[in-house]
mmCIF file of all heavy atoms, coordinates in Angstrom:
data_MODEL
# 
_entry.id   MODEL 
# 
loop_
_atom_site.group_PDB 
_atom_site.id 
_atom_site.type_symbol 
_atom_site.label_atom_id 
_atom_site.label_alt_id 
_atom_site.label_comp_id 
_atom_site.label_asym_id 
_atom_site.label_entity_id 
_atom_site.label_seq_id 
_atom_site.pdbx_PDB_ins_code 
_atom_site.Cartn_x 
_atom_site.Cartn_y 
_atom_site.Cartn_z 
_atom_site.occupancy 
_atom_site.B_iso_or_equiv 
_atom_site.pdbx_formal_charge 
_atom_site.auth_seq_id 
_atom_site.auth_comp_id 
_atom_site.auth_asym_id 
_atom_site.auth_atom_id 
_atom_site.pdbx_PDB_model_num 
ATOM 1   N N   . LEU A 1 1  ? 11.918  19.714 -15.554 1.00 0.00 ? 1  LEU A N   1 
ATOM 2   C CA  . LEU A 1 1  ? 11.051  20.884 -15.721 1.00 0.00 ? 1  LEU A CA  1 
ATOM 3   C C   . LEU A 1 1  ? 10.080  20.762 -16.896 1.00 0.00 ? 1  LEU A C   1 
ATOM 4   O O   . LEU A 1 1  ? 8.880   21.003 -16.723 1.00 0.00 ? 1  LEU A O   1 
ATOM 5   C CB  . LEU A 1 1  ? 11.882  22.167 -15.840 1.00 0.00 ? 1  LEU A CB  1 
ATOM 6   C CG  . LEU A 1 1  ? 11.030  23.431 -15.962 1.00 0.00 ? 1  LEU A CG  1 
ATOM 7   C CD1 . LEU A 1 1  ? 10.124  23.612 -14.749 1.00 0.00 ? 1  LEU A CD1 1 
ATOM 8   C CD2 . LEU A 1 1  ? 11.891  24.673 -16.165 1.00 0.00 ? 1  LEU A CD2 1 
ATOM 9   N N   . PRO A 1 2  ? 10.520  20.418 -18.121 1.00 0.00 ? 2  PRO A N   1 
ATOM 10  C CA  . PRO A 1 2  ? 9.534   20.292 -19.201 1.00 0.00 ? 2  PRO A CA  1 
ATOM 11  C C   . PRO A 1 2  ? 8.458   19.248 -18.900 1.00 0.00 ? 2  PRO A C   1 
ATOM 12  O O   . PRO A 1 2  ? 7.288   19.425 -19.287 1.00 0.00 ? 2  PRO A O   1 
ATOM 13  C CB  . PRO A 1 2  ? 10.386  19.867 -20.408 1.00 0.00 ? 2  PRO A CB  1 
ATOM 14  C CG  . PRO A 1 2  ? 11.754  20.371 -20.104 1.00 0.00 ? 2  PRO A CG  1 
ATOM 15  C CD  . PRO A 1 2  ? 11.902  20.199 -18.625 1.00 0.00 ? 2  PRO A CD  1 
ATOM 16  N N   . LEU A 1 3  ? 8.823   18.183 -18.197 1.00 0.00 ? 3  LEU A N   1 
ATOM 17  C CA  . LEU A 1 3  ? 7.843   17.153 -17.850 1.00 0.00 ? 3  LEU A CA  1 
ATOM 18  C C   . LEU A 1 3  ? 6.845   17.675 -16.825 1.00 0.00 ? 3  LEU A C   1 
ATOM 19  O O   . LEU A 1 3  ? 5.640   17.403 -16.913 1.00 0.00 ? 3  LEU A O   1 
ATOM 20  C CB  . LEU A 1 3  ? 8.562   15.916 -17.315 1.00 0.00 ? 3  LEU A CB  1 
ATOM 21  C CG  . LEU A 1 3  ? 9.513   15.240 -18.307 1.00 0.00 ? 3  LEU A CG  1 
ATOM 22  C CD1 . LEU A 1 3  ? 10.332  14.159 -17.612 1.00 0.00 ? 3  LEU A CD1 1 
ATOM 23  C CD2 . LEU A 1 3  ? 8.745   14.646 -19.486 1.00 0.00 ? 3  LEU A CD2 1 
ATOM 24  N N   . LEU A 1 4  ? 7.333   18.438 -15.837 1.00 0.00 ? 4  LEU A N   1 
ATOM 25  C CA  . LEU A 1 4  ? 6.430   19.029 -14.854 1.00 0.00 ? 4  LEU A CA  1 
ATOM 26  C C   . LEU A 1 4  ? 5.489   20.029 -15.518 1.00 0.00 ? 4  LEU A C   1 
ATOM 27  O O   . LEU A 1 4  ? 4.305   20.117 -15.162 1.00 0.00 ? 4  LEU A O   1 
ATOM 28  C CB  . LEU A 1 4  ? 7.237   19.708 -13.744 1.00 0.00 ? 4  LEU A CB  1 
ATOM 29  C CG  . LEU A 1 4  ? 8.079   18.784 -12.868 1.00 0.00 ? 4  LEU A CG  1 
ATOM 30  C CD1 . LEU A 1 4  ? 8.952   19.600 -11.916 1.00 0.00 ? 4  LEU A CD1 1 
ATOM 31  C CD2 . LEU A 1 4  ? 7.210   17.812 -12.082 1.00 0.00 ? 4  LEU A CD2 1 
ATOM 32  N N   . MET A 1 5  ? 5.991   20.782 -16.500 1.00 0.00 ? 5  MET A N   1 
ATOM 33  C CA  . MET A 1 5  ? 5.145   21.723 -17.224 1.00 0.00 ? 5  MET A CA  1 
ATOM 34  C C   . MET A 1 5  ? 4.068   20.989 -18.009 1.00 0.00 ? 5  MET A C   1 
ATOM 35  O O   . MET A 1 5  ? 2.913   21.445 -18.099 1.00 0.00 ? 5  MET A O   1 
ATOM 36  C CB  . MET A 1 5  ? 5.999   22.589 -18.141 1.00 0.00 ? 5  MET A CB  1 
ATOM 37  C CG  . MET A 1 5  ? 6.947   23.514 -17.388 1.00 0.00 ? 5  MET A CG  1 
ATOM 38  S SD  . MET A 1 5  ? 8.107   24.408 -18.459 1.00 0.00 ? 5  MET A SD  1 
ATOM 39  C CE  . MET A 1 5  ? 6.998   25.588 -19.222 1.00 0.00 ? 5  MET A CE  1 
ATOM 40  N N   . LEU A 1 6  ? 4.422   19.852 -18.569 1.00 0.00 ? 6  LEU A N   1 
ATOM 41  C CA  . LEU A 1 6  ? 3.434   19.037 -19.287 1.00 0.00 ? 6  LEU A CA  1 
ATOM 42  C C   . LEU A 1 6  ? 2.376   18.512 -18.320 1.00 0.00 ? 6  LEU A C   1 
ATOM 43  O O   . LEU A 1 6  ? 1.169   18.523 -18.628 1.00 0.00 ? 6  LEU A O   1 
ATOM 44  C CB  . LEU A 1 6  ? 4.140   17.886 -19.991 1.00 0.00 ? 6  LEU A CB  1 
ATOM 45  C CG  . LEU A 1 6  ? 3.263   16.901 -20.775 1.00 0.00 ? 6  LEU A CG  1 
ATOM 46  C CD1 . LEU A 1 6  ? 2.465   17.627 -21.853 1.00 0.00 ? 6  LEU A CD1 1 
ATOM 47  C CD2 . LEU A 1 6  ? 4.123   15.798 -21.394 1.00 0.00 ? 6  LEU A CD2 1 
ATOM 48  N N   . MET A 1 7  ? 2.799   18.056 -17.145 1.00 0.00 ? 7  MET A N   1 
ATOM 49  C CA  . MET A 1 7  ? 1.843   17.598 -16.130 1.00 0.00 ? 7  MET A CA  1 
ATOM 50  C C   . MET A 1 7  ? 0.903   18.730 -15.717 1.00 0.00 ? 7  MET A C   1 
ATOM 51  O O   . MET A 1 7  ? -0.301  18.524 -15.534 1.00 0.00 ? 7  MET A O   1 
ATOM 52  C CB  . MET A 1 7  ? 2.595   17.081 -14.906 1.00 0.00 ? 7  MET A CB  1 
ATOM 53  C CG  . MET A 1 7  ? 3.453   15.858 -15.149 1.00 0.00 ? 7  MET A CG  1 
ATOM 54  S SD  . MET A 1 7  ? 4.496   15.536 -13.684 1.00 0.00 ? 7  MET A SD  1 
ATOM 55  C CE  . MET A 1 7  ? 5.720   14.430 -14.383 1.00 0.00 ? 7  MET A CE  1 
ATOM 56  N N   . ASP A 1 8  ? 1.462   19.940 -15.539 1.00 0.00 ? 8  ASP A N   1 
ATOM 57  C CA  . ASP A 1 8  ? 0.641   21.096 -15.186 1.00 0.00 ? 8  ASP A CA  1 
ATOM 58  C C   . ASP A 1 8  ? -0.430  21.329 -16.253 1.00 0.00 ? 8  ASP A C   1 
ATOM 59  O O   . ASP A 1 8  ? -1.594  21.586 -15.946 1.00 0.00 ? 8  ASP A O   1 
ATOM 60  C CB  . ASP A 1 8  ? 1.507   22.360 -15.077 1.00 0.00 ? 8  ASP A CB  1 
ATOM 61  C CG  . ASP A 1 8  ? 2.475   22.326 -13.909 1.00 0.00 ? 8  ASP A CG  1 
ATOM 62  O OD1 . ASP A 1 8  ? 2.163   21.668 -12.900 1.00 0.00 ? 8  ASP A OD1 1 
ATOM 63  O OD2 . ASP A 1 8  ? 3.537   22.956 -14.010 1.00 0.00 ? 8  ASP A OD2 1 
ATOM 64  N N   . PHE A 1 9  ? -0.022  21.265 -17.515 1.00 0.00 ? 9  PHE A N   1 
ATOM 65  C CA  . PHE A 1 9  ? -0.952  21.513 -18.624 1.00 0.00 ? 9  PHE A CA  1 
ATOM 66  C C   . PHE A 1 9  ? -2.081  20.492 -18.630 1.00 0.00 ? 9  PHE A C   1 
ATOM 67  O O   . PHE A 1 9  ? -3.255  20.841 -18.827 1.00 0.00 ? 9  PHE A O   1 
ATOM 68  C CB  . PHE A 1 9  ? -0.183  21.463 -19.950 1.00 0.00 ? 9  PHE A CB  1 
ATOM 69  C CG  . PHE A 1 9  ? -1.047  21.666 -21.159 1.00 0.00 ? 9  PHE A CG  1 
ATOM 70  C CD1 . PHE A 1 9  ? -1.483  22.929 -21.507 1.00 0.00 ? 9  PHE A CD1 1 
ATOM 71  C CD2 . PHE A 1 9  ? -1.419  20.579 -21.941 1.00 0.00 ? 9  PHE A CD2 1 
ATOM 72  C CE1 . PHE A 1 9  ? -2.290  23.115 -22.629 1.00 0.00 ? 9  PHE A CE1 1 
ATOM 73  C CE2 . PHE A 1 9  ? -2.228  20.755 -23.056 1.00 0.00 ? 9  PHE A CE2 1 
ATOM 74  C CZ  . PHE A 1 9  ? -2.658  22.032 -23.401 1.00 0.00 ? 9  PHE A CZ  1 
ATOM 75  N N   . VAL A 1 10 ? -1.735  19.220 -18.393 1.00 0.00 ? 10 VAL A N   1 
ATOM 76  C CA  . VAL A 1 10 ? -2.748  18.160 -18.387 1.00 0.00 ? 10 VAL A CA  1 
ATOM 77  C C   . VAL A 1 10 ? -3.700  18.329 -17.207 1.00 0.00 ? 10 VAL A C   1 
ATOM 78  O O   . VAL A 1 10 ? -4.925  18.185 -17.346 1.00 0.00 ? 10 VAL A O   1 
ATOM 79  C CB  . VAL A 1 10 ? -2.074  16.775 -18.336 1.00 0.00 ? 10 VAL A CB  1 
ATOM 80  C CG1 . VAL A 1 10 ? -3.112  15.670 -18.130 1.00 0.00 ? 10 VAL A CG1 1 
ATOM 81  C CG2 . VAL A 1 10 ? -1.287  16.519 -19.624 1.00 0.00 ? 10 VAL A CG2 1 
ATOM 82  N N   . SER A 1 11 ? -3.148  18.675 -16.042 1.00 0.00 ? 11 SER A N   1 
ATOM 83  C CA  . SER A 1 11 ? -3.953  18.737 -14.821 1.00 0.00 ? 11 SER A CA  1 
ATOM 84  C C   . SER A 1 11 ? -4.818  19.988 -14.737 1.00 0.00 ? 11 SER A C   1 
ATOM 85  O O   . SER A 1 11 ? -5.908  19.963 -14.152 1.00 0.00 ? 11 SER A O   1 
ATOM 86  C CB  . SER A 1 11 ? -3.030  18.695 -13.589 1.00 0.00 ? 11 SER A CB  1 
ATOM 87  O OG  . SER A 1 11 ? -2.211  17.559 -13.592 1.00 0.00 ? 11 SER A OG  1 
ATOM 88  N N   . LEU A 1 12 ? -4.343  21.085 -15.326 1.00 0.00 ? 12 LEU A N   1 
ATOM 89  C CA  . LEU A 1 12 ? -4.963  22.383 -15.088 1.00 0.00 ? 12 LEU A CA  1 
ATOM 90  C C   . LEU A 1 12 ? -6.428  22.423 -15.497 1.00 0.00 ? 12 LEU A C   1 
ATOM 91  O O   . LEU A 1 12 ? -7.271  22.987 -14.786 1.00 0.00 ? 12 LEU A O   1 
ATOM 92  C CB  . LEU A 1 12 ? -4.170  23.466 -15.828 1.00 0.00 ? 12 LEU A CB  1 
ATOM 93  C CG  . LEU A 1 12 ? -4.543  24.920 -15.522 1.00 0.00 ? 12 LEU A CG  1 
ATOM 94  C CD1 . LEU A 1 12 ? -4.379  25.226 -14.038 1.00 0.00 ? 12 LEU A CD1 1 
ATOM 95  C CD2 . LEU A 1 12 ? -3.672  25.869 -16.354 1.00 0.00 ? 12 LEU A CD2 1 
ATOM 96  N N   . ARG A 1 13 ? -6.753  21.818 -16.632 1.00 0.00 ? 13 ARG A N   1 
ATOM 97  C CA  . ARG A 1 13 ? -8.128  21.945 -17.125 1.00 0.00 ? 13 ARG A CA  1 
ATOM 98  C C   . ARG A 1 13 ? -9.138  21.233 -16.230 1.00 0.00 ? 13 ARG A C   1 
ATOM 99  O O   . ARG A 1 13 ? -10.309 21.602 -16.207 1.00 0.00 ? 13 ARG A O   1 
ATOM 100 C CB  . ARG A 1 13 ? -8.230  21.426 -18.559 1.00 0.00 ? 13 ARG A CB  1 
ATOM 101 C CG  . ARG A 1 13 ? -8.148  19.919 -18.729 1.00 0.00 ? 13 ARG A CG  1 
ATOM 102 C CD  . ARG A 1 13 ? -8.210  19.554 -20.208 1.00 0.00 ? 13 ARG A CD  1 
ATOM 103 N NE  . ARG A 1 13 ? -8.331  18.123 -20.419 1.00 0.00 ? 13 ARG A NE  1 
ATOM 104 C CZ  . ARG A 1 13 ? -9.488  17.498 -20.528 1.00 0.00 ? 13 ARG A CZ  1 
ATOM 105 N NH1 . ARG A 1 13 ? -10.638 18.163 -20.410 1.00 0.00 ? 13 ARG A NH1 1 
ATOM 106 N NH2 . ARG A 1 13 ? -9.540  16.187 -20.739 1.00 0.00 ? 13 ARG A NH2 1 
ATOM 107 N N   . PHE A 1 14 ? -8.682  20.242 -15.463 1.00 0.00 ? 14 PHE A N   1 
ATOM 108 C CA  . PHE A 1 14 ? -9.596  19.511 -14.588 1.00 0.00 ? 14 PHE A CA  1 
ATOM 109 C C   . PHE A 1 14 ? -9.943  20.320 -13.331 1.00 0.00 ? 14 PHE A C   1 
ATOM 110 O O   . PHE A 1 14 ? -10.934 20.019 -12.661 1.00 0.00 ? 14 PHE A O   1 
ATOM 111 C CB  . PHE A 1 14 ? -8.985  18.172 -14.185 1.00 0.00 ? 14 PHE A CB  1 
ATOM 112 C CG  . PHE A 1 14 ? -8.851  17.204 -15.322 1.00 0.00 ? 14 PHE A CG  1 
ATOM 113 C CD1 . PHE A 1 14 ? -7.637  17.053 -15.986 1.00 0.00 ? 14 PHE A CD1 1 
ATOM 114 C CD2 . PHE A 1 14 ? -9.932  16.447 -15.753 1.00 0.00 ? 14 PHE A CD2 1 
ATOM 115 C CE1 . PHE A 1 14 ? -7.501  16.171 -17.036 1.00 0.00 ? 14 PHE A CE1 1 
ATOM 116 C CE2 . PHE A 1 14 ? -9.808  15.556 -16.801 1.00 0.00 ? 14 PHE A CE2 1 
ATOM 117 C CZ  . PHE A 1 14 ? -8.592  15.418 -17.446 1.00 0.00 ? 14 PHE A CZ  1 
ATOM 118 N N   . PHE A 1 15 ? -9.120  21.306 -13.004 1.00 0.00 ? 15 PHE A N   1 
ATOM 119 C CA  . PHE A 1 15 ? -9.339  22.085 -11.790 1.00 0.00 ? 15 PHE A CA  1 
ATOM 120 C C   . PHE A 1 15 ? -9.518  23.573 -12.087 1.00 0.00 ? 15 PHE A C   1 
ATOM 121 O O   . PHE A 1 15 ? -9.433  24.397 -11.197 1.00 0.00 ? 15 PHE A O   1 
ATOM 122 C CB  . PHE A 1 15 ? -8.157  21.884 -10.828 1.00 0.00 ? 15 PHE A CB  1 
ATOM 123 C CG  . PHE A 1 15 ? -7.967  20.465 -10.385 1.00 0.00 ? 15 PHE A CG  1 
ATOM 124 C CD1 . PHE A 1 15 ? -7.034  19.639 -11.014 1.00 0.00 ? 15 PHE A CD1 1 
ATOM 125 C CD2 . PHE A 1 15 ? -8.736  19.934 -9.360  1.00 0.00 ? 15 PHE A CD2 1 
ATOM 126 C CE1 . PHE A 1 15 ? -6.858  18.329 -10.614 1.00 0.00 ? 15 PHE A CE1 1 
ATOM 127 C CE2 . PHE A 1 15 ? -8.564  18.623 -8.946  1.00 0.00 ? 15 PHE A CE2 1 
ATOM 128 C CZ  . PHE A 1 15 ? -7.638  17.818 -9.581  1.00 0.00 ? 15 PHE A CZ  1 
ATOM 129 N N   . TRP A 1 16 ? -9.789  23.892 -13.357 1.00 0.00 ? 16 TRP A N   1 
ATOM 130 C CA  . TRP A 1 16 ? -9.837  25.286 -13.791 1.00 0.00 ? 16 TRP A CA  1 
ATOM 131 C C   . TRP A 1 16 ? -10.901 26.067 -13.012 1.00 0.00 ? 16 TRP A C   1 
ATOM 132 O O   . TRP A 1 16 ? -12.050 25.659 -12.920 1.00 0.00 ? 16 TRP A O   1 
ATOM 133 C CB  . TRP A 1 16 ? -10.123 25.364 -15.286 1.00 0.00 ? 16 TRP A CB  1 
ATOM 134 C CG  . TRP A 1 16 ? -10.023 26.775 -15.793 1.00 0.00 ? 16 TRP A CG  1 
ATOM 135 C CD1 . TRP A 1 16 ? -11.031 27.662 -15.998 1.00 0.00 ? 16 TRP A CD1 1 
ATOM 136 C CD2 . TRP A 1 16 ? -8.816  27.460 -16.137 1.00 0.00 ? 16 TRP A CD2 1 
ATOM 137 N NE1 . TRP A 1 16 ? -10.551 28.861 -16.441 1.00 0.00 ? 16 TRP A NE1 1 
ATOM 138 C CE2 . TRP A 1 16 ? -9.186  28.769 -16.543 1.00 0.00 ? 16 TRP A CE2 1 
ATOM 139 C CE3 . TRP A 1 16 ? -7.461  27.091 -16.139 1.00 0.00 ? 16 TRP A CE3 1 
ATOM 140 C CZ2 . TRP A 1 16 ? -8.240  29.703 -16.944 1.00 0.00 ? 16 TRP A CZ2 1 
ATOM 141 C CZ3 . TRP A 1 16 ? -6.538  28.030 -16.546 1.00 0.00 ? 16 TRP A CZ3 1 
ATOM 142 C CH2 . TRP A 1 16 ? -6.933  29.311 -16.950 1.00 0.00 ? 16 TRP A CH2 1 
ATOM 143 N N   . GLY A 1 17 ? -10.481 27.217 -12.466 1.00 0.00 ? 17 GLY A N   1 
ATOM 144 C CA  . GLY A 1 17 ? -11.397 28.122 -11.804 1.00 0.00 ? 17 GLY A CA  1 
ATOM 145 C C   . GLY A 1 17 ? -11.741 27.768 -10.379 1.00 0.00 ? 17 GLY A C   1 
ATOM 146 O O   . GLY A 1 17 ? -12.427 28.539 -9.694  1.00 0.00 ? 17 GLY A O   1 
ATOM 147 N N   . GLY A 1 18 ? -11.253 26.626 -9.878  1.00 0.00 ? 18 GLY A N   1 
ATOM 148 C CA  . GLY A 1 18 ? -11.622 26.207 -8.530  1.00 0.00 ? 18 GLY A CA  1 
ATOM 149 C C   . GLY A 1 18 ? -10.690 26.700 -7.445  1.00 0.00 ? 18 GLY A C   1 
ATOM 150 O O   . GLY A 1 18 ? -10.849 26.342 -6.282  1.00 0.00 ? 18 GLY A O   1 
ATOM 151 N N   . TRP A 1 19 ? -9.726  27.538 -7.806  1.00 0.00 ? 19 TRP A N   1 
ATOM 152 C CA  . TRP A 1 19 ? -8.703  27.948 -6.862  1.00 0.00 ? 19 TRP A CA  1 
ATOM 153 C C   . TRP A 1 19 ? -9.152  29.109 -5.982  1.00 0.00 ? 19 TRP A C   1 
ATOM 154 O O   . TRP A 1 19 ? -10.165 29.781 -6.246  1.00 0.00 ? 19 TRP A O   1 
ATOM 155 C CB  . TRP A 1 19 ? -7.430  28.338 -7.605  1.00 0.00 ? 19 TRP A CB  1 
ATOM 156 C CG  . TRP A 1 19 ? -7.655  29.272 -8.760  1.00 0.00 ? 19 TRP A CG  1 
ATOM 157 C CD1 . TRP A 1 19 ? -7.926  30.610 -8.704  1.00 0.00 ? 19 TRP A CD1 1 
ATOM 158 C CD2 . TRP A 1 19 ? -7.642  28.920 -10.145 1.00 0.00 ? 19 TRP A CD2 1 
ATOM 159 N NE1 . TRP A 1 19 ? -8.067  31.122 -9.957  1.00 0.00 ? 19 TRP A NE1 1 
ATOM 160 C CE2 . TRP A 1 19 ? -7.896  30.107 -10.867 1.00 0.00 ? 19 TRP A CE2 1 
ATOM 161 C CE3 . TRP A 1 19 ? -7.416  27.727 -10.855 1.00 0.00 ? 19 TRP A CE3 1 
ATOM 162 C CZ2 . TRP A 1 19 ? -7.939  30.138 -12.272 1.00 0.00 ? 19 TRP A CZ2 1 
ATOM 163 C CZ3 . TRP A 1 19 ? -7.476  27.761 -12.242 1.00 0.00 ? 19 TRP A CZ3 1 
ATOM 164 C CH2 . TRP A 1 19 ? -7.737  28.951 -12.932 1.00 0.00 ? 19 TRP A CH2 1 
ATOM 165 N N   . HIS A 1 20 ? -8.349  29.357 -4.922  1.00 0.00 ? 20 HIS A N   1 
ATOM 166 C CA  . HIS A 1 20 ? -8.562  30.500 -4.027  1.00 0.00 ? 20 HIS A CA  1 
ATOM 167 C C   . HIS A 1 20 ? -7.773  31.669 -4.600  1.00 0.00 ? 20 HIS A C   1 
ATOM 168 O O   . HIS A 1 20 ? -6.540  31.706 -4.509  1.00 0.00 ? 20 HIS A O   1 
ATOM 169 C CB  . HIS A 1 20 ? -8.084  30.150 -2.616  1.00 0.00 ? 20 HIS A CB  1 
ATOM 170 C CG  . HIS A 1 20 ? -8.329  31.229 -1.619  1.00 0.00 ? 20 HIS A CG  1 
ATOM 171 N ND1 . HIS A 1 20 ? -7.317  31.836 -0.913  1.00 0.00 ? 20 HIS A ND1 1 
ATOM 172 C CD2 . HIS A 1 20 ? -9.485  31.830 -1.215  1.00 0.00 ? 20 HIS A CD2 1 
ATOM 173 C CE1 . HIS A 1 20 ? -7.821  32.750 -0.106  1.00 0.00 ? 20 HIS A CE1 1 
ATOM 174 N NE2 . HIS A 1 20 ? -9.133  32.779 -0.273  1.00 0.00 ? 20 HIS A NE2 1 
ATOM 175 N N   . ARG A 1 21 ? -8.458  32.620 -5.182  1.00 0.00 ? 21 ARG A N   1 
ATOM 176 C CA  . ARG A 1 21 ? -7.819  33.670 -5.973  1.00 0.00 ? 21 ARG A CA  1 
ATOM 177 C C   . ARG A 1 21 ? -6.776  34.481 -5.195  1.00 0.00 ? 21 ARG A C   1 
ATOM 178 O O   . ARG A 1 21 ? -5.661  34.679 -5.690  1.00 0.00 ? 21 ARG A O   1 
ATOM 179 C CB  . ARG A 1 21 ? -8.889  34.590 -6.553  1.00 0.00 ? 21 ARG A CB  1 
ATOM 180 C CG  . ARG A 1 21 ? -8.334  35.674 -7.468  1.00 0.00 ? 21 ARG A CG  1 
ATOM 181 C CD  . ARG A 1 21 ? -9.466  36.507 -8.050  1.00 0.00 ? 21 ARG A CD  1 
ATOM 182 N NE  . ARG A 1 21 ? -8.954  37.611 -8.836  1.00 0.00 ? 21 ARG A NE  1 
ATOM 183 C CZ  . ARG A 1 21 ? -8.583  37.527 -10.103 1.00 0.00 ? 21 ARG A CZ  1 
ATOM 184 N NH1 . ARG A 1 21 ? -8.691  36.372 -10.730 1.00 0.00 ? 21 ARG A NH1 1 
ATOM 185 N NH2 . ARG A 1 21 ? -8.123  38.571 -10.764 1.00 0.00 ? 21 ARG A NH2 1 
ATOM 186 N N   . PRO A 1 22 ? -7.078  34.973 -3.977  1.00 0.00 ? 22 PRO A N   1 
ATOM 187 C CA  . PRO A 1 22 ? -6.046  35.749 -3.262  1.00 0.00 ? 22 PRO A CA  1 
ATOM 188 C C   . PRO A 1 22 ? -4.761  34.956 -3.021  1.00 0.00 ? 22 PRO A C   1 
ATOM 189 O O   . PRO A 1 22 ? -3.655  35.484 -3.164  1.00 0.00 ? 22 PRO A O   1 
ATOM 190 C CB  . PRO A 1 22 ? -6.734  36.126 -1.945  1.00 0.00 ? 22 PRO A CB  1 
ATOM 191 C CG  . PRO A 1 22 ? -8.190  36.069 -2.243  1.00 0.00 ? 22 PRO A CG  1 
ATOM 192 C CD  . PRO A 1 22 ? -8.344  34.948 -3.223  1.00 0.00 ? 22 PRO A CD  1 
ATOM 193 N N   . SER A 1 23 ? -4.897  33.675 -2.661  1.00 0.00 ? 23 SER A N   1 
ATOM 194 C CA  . SER A 1 23 ? -3.713  32.845 -2.426  1.00 0.00 ? 23 SER A CA  1 
ATOM 195 C C   . SER A 1 23 ? -2.914  32.667 -3.713  1.00 0.00 ? 23 SER A C   1 
ATOM 196 O O   . SER A 1 23 ? -1.671  32.699 -3.693  1.00 0.00 ? 23 SER A O   1 
ATOM 197 C CB  . SER A 1 23 ? -4.121  31.482 -1.867  1.00 0.00 ? 23 SER A CB  1 
ATOM 198 O OG  . SER A 1 23 ? -4.689  31.602 -0.592  1.00 0.00 ? 23 SER A OG  1 
ATOM 199 N N   . VAL A 1 24 ? -3.614  32.470 -4.809  1.00 0.00 ? 24 VAL A N   1 
ATOM 200 C CA  . VAL A 1 24 ? -2.938  32.306 -6.106  1.00 0.00 ? 24 VAL A CA  1 
ATOM 201 C C   . VAL A 1 24 ? -2.111  33.545 -6.426  1.00 0.00 ? 24 VAL A C   1 
ATOM 202 O O   . VAL A 1 24 ? -0.922  33.456 -6.777  1.00 0.00 ? 24 VAL A O   1 
ATOM 203 C CB  . VAL A 1 24 ? -3.963  32.033 -7.223  1.00 0.00 ? 24 VAL A CB  1 
ATOM 204 C CG1 . VAL A 1 24 ? -3.312  32.171 -8.599  1.00 0.00 ? 24 VAL A CG1 1 
ATOM 205 C CG2 . VAL A 1 24 ? -4.561  30.645 -7.068  1.00 0.00 ? 24 VAL A CG2 1 
ATOM 206 N N   . LEU A 1 25 ? -2.711  34.710 -6.313  1.00 0.00 ? 25 LEU A N   1 
ATOM 207 C CA  . LEU A 1 25 ? -2.009  35.946 -6.656  1.00 0.00 ? 25 LEU A CA  1 
ATOM 208 C C   . LEU A 1 25 ? -0.818  36.186 -5.734  1.00 0.00 ? 25 LEU A C   1 
ATOM 209 O O   . LEU A 1 25 ? 0.271   36.566 -6.186  1.00 0.00 ? 25 LEU A O   1 
ATOM 210 C CB  . LEU A 1 25 ? -2.977  37.122 -6.588  1.00 0.00 ? 25 LEU A CB  1 
ATOM 211 C CG  . LEU A 1 25 ? -4.093  37.141 -7.648  1.00 0.00 ? 25 LEU A CG  1 
ATOM 212 C CD1 . LEU A 1 25 ? -5.051  38.301 -7.403  1.00 0.00 ? 25 LEU A CD1 1 
ATOM 213 C CD2 . LEU A 1 25 ? -3.501  37.235 -9.050  1.00 0.00 ? 25 LEU A CD2 1 
ATOM 214 N N   . ALA A 1 26 ? -1.014  35.980 -4.428  1.00 0.00 ? 26 ALA A N   1 
ATOM 215 C CA  . ALA A 1 26 ? 0.081   36.218 -3.478  1.00 0.00 ? 26 ALA A CA  1 
ATOM 216 C C   . ALA A 1 26 ? 1.246   35.263 -3.717  1.00 0.00 ? 26 ALA A C   1 
ATOM 217 O O   . ALA A 1 26 ? 2.411   35.686 -3.725  1.00 0.00 ? 26 ALA A O   1 
ATOM 218 C CB  . ALA A 1 26 ? -0.443  36.076 -2.049  1.00 0.00 ? 26 ALA A CB  1 
ATOM 219 N N   . LEU A 1 27 ? 0.956   33.993 -3.903  1.00 0.00 ? 27 LEU A N   1 
ATOM 220 C CA  . LEU A 1 27 ? 2.027   33.021 -4.115  1.00 0.00 ? 27 LEU A CA  1 
ATOM 221 C C   . LEU A 1 27 ? 2.755   33.268 -5.430  1.00 0.00 ? 27 LEU A C   1 
ATOM 222 O O   . LEU A 1 27 ? 3.985   33.156 -5.504  1.00 0.00 ? 27 LEU A O   1 
ATOM 223 C CB  . LEU A 1 27 ? 1.457   31.596 -4.076  1.00 0.00 ? 27 LEU A CB  1 
ATOM 224 C CG  . LEU A 1 27 ? 0.976   31.106 -2.714  1.00 0.00 ? 27 LEU A CG  1 
ATOM 225 C CD1 . LEU A 1 27 ? 0.281   29.758 -2.846  1.00 0.00 ? 27 LEU A CD1 1 
ATOM 226 C CD2 . LEU A 1 27 ? 2.134   31.007 -1.724  1.00 0.00 ? 27 LEU A CD2 1 
ATOM 227 N N   . MET A 1 28 ? 2.009   33.627 -6.472  1.00 0.00 ? 28 MET A N   1 
ATOM 228 C CA  . MET A 1 28 ? 2.649   33.896 -7.762  1.00 0.00 ? 28 MET A CA  1 
ATOM 229 C C   . MET A 1 28 ? 3.579   35.102 -7.679  1.00 0.00 ? 28 MET A C   1 
ATOM 230 O O   . MET A 1 28 ? 4.731   35.053 -8.139  1.00 0.00 ? 28 MET A O   1 
ATOM 231 C CB  . MET A 1 28 ? 1.588   34.126 -8.835  1.00 0.00 ? 28 MET A CB  1 
ATOM 232 C CG  . MET A 1 28 ? 0.891   32.873 -9.327  1.00 0.00 ? 28 MET A CG  1 
ATOM 233 S SD  . MET A 1 28 ? -0.311  33.296 -10.627 1.00 0.00 ? 28 MET A SD  1 
ATOM 234 C CE  . MET A 1 28 ? -0.858  31.656 -11.130 1.00 0.00 ? 28 MET A CE  1 
# 
């Protein structure tokens, strides 16, 4: 889990804002 969280942190900035907002909210 801590390693996956680190991967998320590294990856997130490269894809920031490009997501489908309704899907993000529903899945979360």
